[in-house]
Amino acid sequence: MIRNPAPAVPLAVLCHHGDRSVHAAEHLHRLGHRDVYYIEGGIKAWAGLVDTSIPHY
């Protein structure tokens, strides 16, 4: 985990279903970060669509 990253540092925010990461990304954007990403549908969607080796929980 990076604490207090510079606004120019790209950030990826992840959570289980994607809802919380959207809010976190929006908050970081309001704080001045411009290169912020989240996974729509969260880790669960990533595990189902991109990397099926990730266990579901």
C-alpha atoms as a PDB file:
ATOM      1  CA  MET A   1       0.000   0.000   0.000  1.00  0.00           C
ATOM      2  CA  ILE A   2       1.240   3.466  -0.872  1.00  0.00           C
ATOM      3  CA  ARG A   3       0.469   6.116   1.701  1.00  0.00           C
ATOM      4  CA  ASN A   4      -0.220   9.622   0.369  1.00  0.00           C
ATOM      5  CA  PRO A   5       0.728   9.013  -3.270  1.00  0.00           C
ATOM      6  CA  ALA A   6       1.428  12.026  -5.432  1.00  0.00           C
ATOM      7  CA  PRO A   7      -1.528  13.096  -7.612  1.00  0.00           C
ATOM      8  CA  ALA A   8       0.410  12.053 -10.747  1.00  0.00           C
ATOM      9  CA  VAL A   9       0.793   8.426  -9.573  1.00  0.00           C
ATOM     10  CA  PRO A  10      -1.675   6.058 -11.306  1.00  0.00           C
ATOM     11  CA  LEU A  11      -3.951   4.330  -8.793  1.00  0.00           C
ATOM     12  CA  ALA A  12      -6.080   1.184  -9.040  1.00  0.00           C
ATOM     13  CA  VAL A  13      -8.837   0.696  -6.459  1.00  0.00           C
ATOM     14  CA  LEU A  14     -10.398  -2.757  -6.014  1.00  0.00           C
ATOM     15  CA  CYS A  15     -13.110  -4.286  -3.856  1.00  0.00           C
ATOM     16  CA  HIS A  16     -15.192  -7.456  -3.983  1.00  0.00           C
ATOM     17  CA  HIS A  17     -18.220  -6.282  -6.014  1.00  0.00           C
ATOM     18  CA  GLY A  18     -17.024  -2.900  -7.305  1.00  0.00           C
ATOM     19  CA  ASP A  19     -19.412  -0.592  -5.432  1.00  0.00           C
ATOM     20  CA  ARG A  20     -16.980   0.621  -2.770  1.00  0.00           C
ATOM     21  CA  SER A  21     -14.121   1.010  -5.222  1.00  0.00           C
ATOM     22  CA  VAL A  22     -16.225   3.375  -7.361  1.00  0.00           C
ATOM     23  CA  HIS A  23     -16.793   5.622  -4.346  1.00  0.00           C
ATOM     24  CA  ALA A  24     -13.120   5.421  -3.353  1.00  0.00           C
ATOM     25  CA  ALA A  25     -12.021   6.325  -6.889  1.00  0.00           C
ATOM     26  CA  GLU A  26     -14.418   9.289  -6.946  1.00  0.00           C
ATOM     27  CA  HIS A  27     -13.081  10.451  -3.584  1.00  0.00           C
ATOM     28  CA  LEU A  28      -9.477  10.211  -4.785  1.00  0.00           C
ATOM     29  CA  HIS A  29     -10.425  12.160  -7.919  1.00  0.00           C
ATOM     30  CA  ARG A  30     -11.932  14.915  -5.747  1.00  0.00           C
ATOM     31  CA  LEU A  31      -8.642  15.004  -3.818  1.00  0.00           C
ATOM     32  CA  GLY A  32      -6.778  15.805  -7.035  1.00  0.00           C
ATOM     33  CA  HIS A  33      -5.751  12.398  -8.380  1.00  0.00           C
ATOM     34  CA  ARG A  34      -6.367  12.249 -12.120  1.00  0.00           C
ATOM     35  CA  ASP A  35      -5.222   8.745 -13.078  1.00  0.00           C
ATOM     36  CA  VAL A  36      -7.556   6.559 -10.977  1.00  0.00           C
ATOM     37  CA  TYR A  37      -8.998   3.216 -12.085  1.00  0.00           C
ATOM     38  CA  TYR A  38     -11.448   0.699 -10.674  1.00  0.00           C
ATOM     39  CA  ILE A  39     -12.705  -2.647 -11.924  1.00  0.00           C
ATOM     40  CA  GLU A  40     -16.404  -2.499 -12.811  1.00  0.00           C
ATOM     41  CA  GLY A  41     -17.981  -5.429 -10.978  1.00  0.00           C
ATOM     42  CA  GLY A  42     -14.968  -5.754  -8.692  1.00  0.00           C
ATOM     43  CA  ILE A  43     -12.721  -8.705  -8.100  1.00  0.00           C
ATOM     44  CA  LYS A  44     -15.716 -11.021  -8.493  1.00  0.00           C
ATOM     45  CA  ALA A  45     -16.262  -9.889 -12.101  1.00  0.00           C
ATOM     46  CA  TRP A  46     -12.537 -10.036 -12.844  1.00  0.00           C
ATOM     47  CA  ALA A  47     -12.405 -13.603 -11.524  1.00  0.00           C
ATOM     48  CA  GLY A  48     -15.379 -14.634 -13.662  1.00  0.00           C
ATOM     49  CA  LEU A  49     -14.456 -12.862 -16.900  1.00  0.00           C
ATOM     50  CA  VAL A  50     -10.698 -12.350 -17.005  1.00  0.00           C
ATOM     51  CA  ASP A  51      -8.815 -14.642 -14.638  1.00  0.00           C
ATOM     52  CA  THR A  52     -10.821 -17.729 -13.784  1.00  0.00           C
ATOM     53  CA  SER A  53      -7.957 -19.050 -11.638  1.00  0.00           C
ATOM     54  CA  ILE A  54      -8.973 -16.594  -8.901  1.00  0.00           C
ATOM     55  CA  PRO A  55     -11.101 -18.456  -6.355  1.00  0.00           C
ATOM     56  CA  HIS A  56     -14.626 -17.209  -5.725  1.00  0.00           C
ATOM     57  CA  TYR A  57     -15.622 -16.482  -2.159  1.00  0.00           C
END
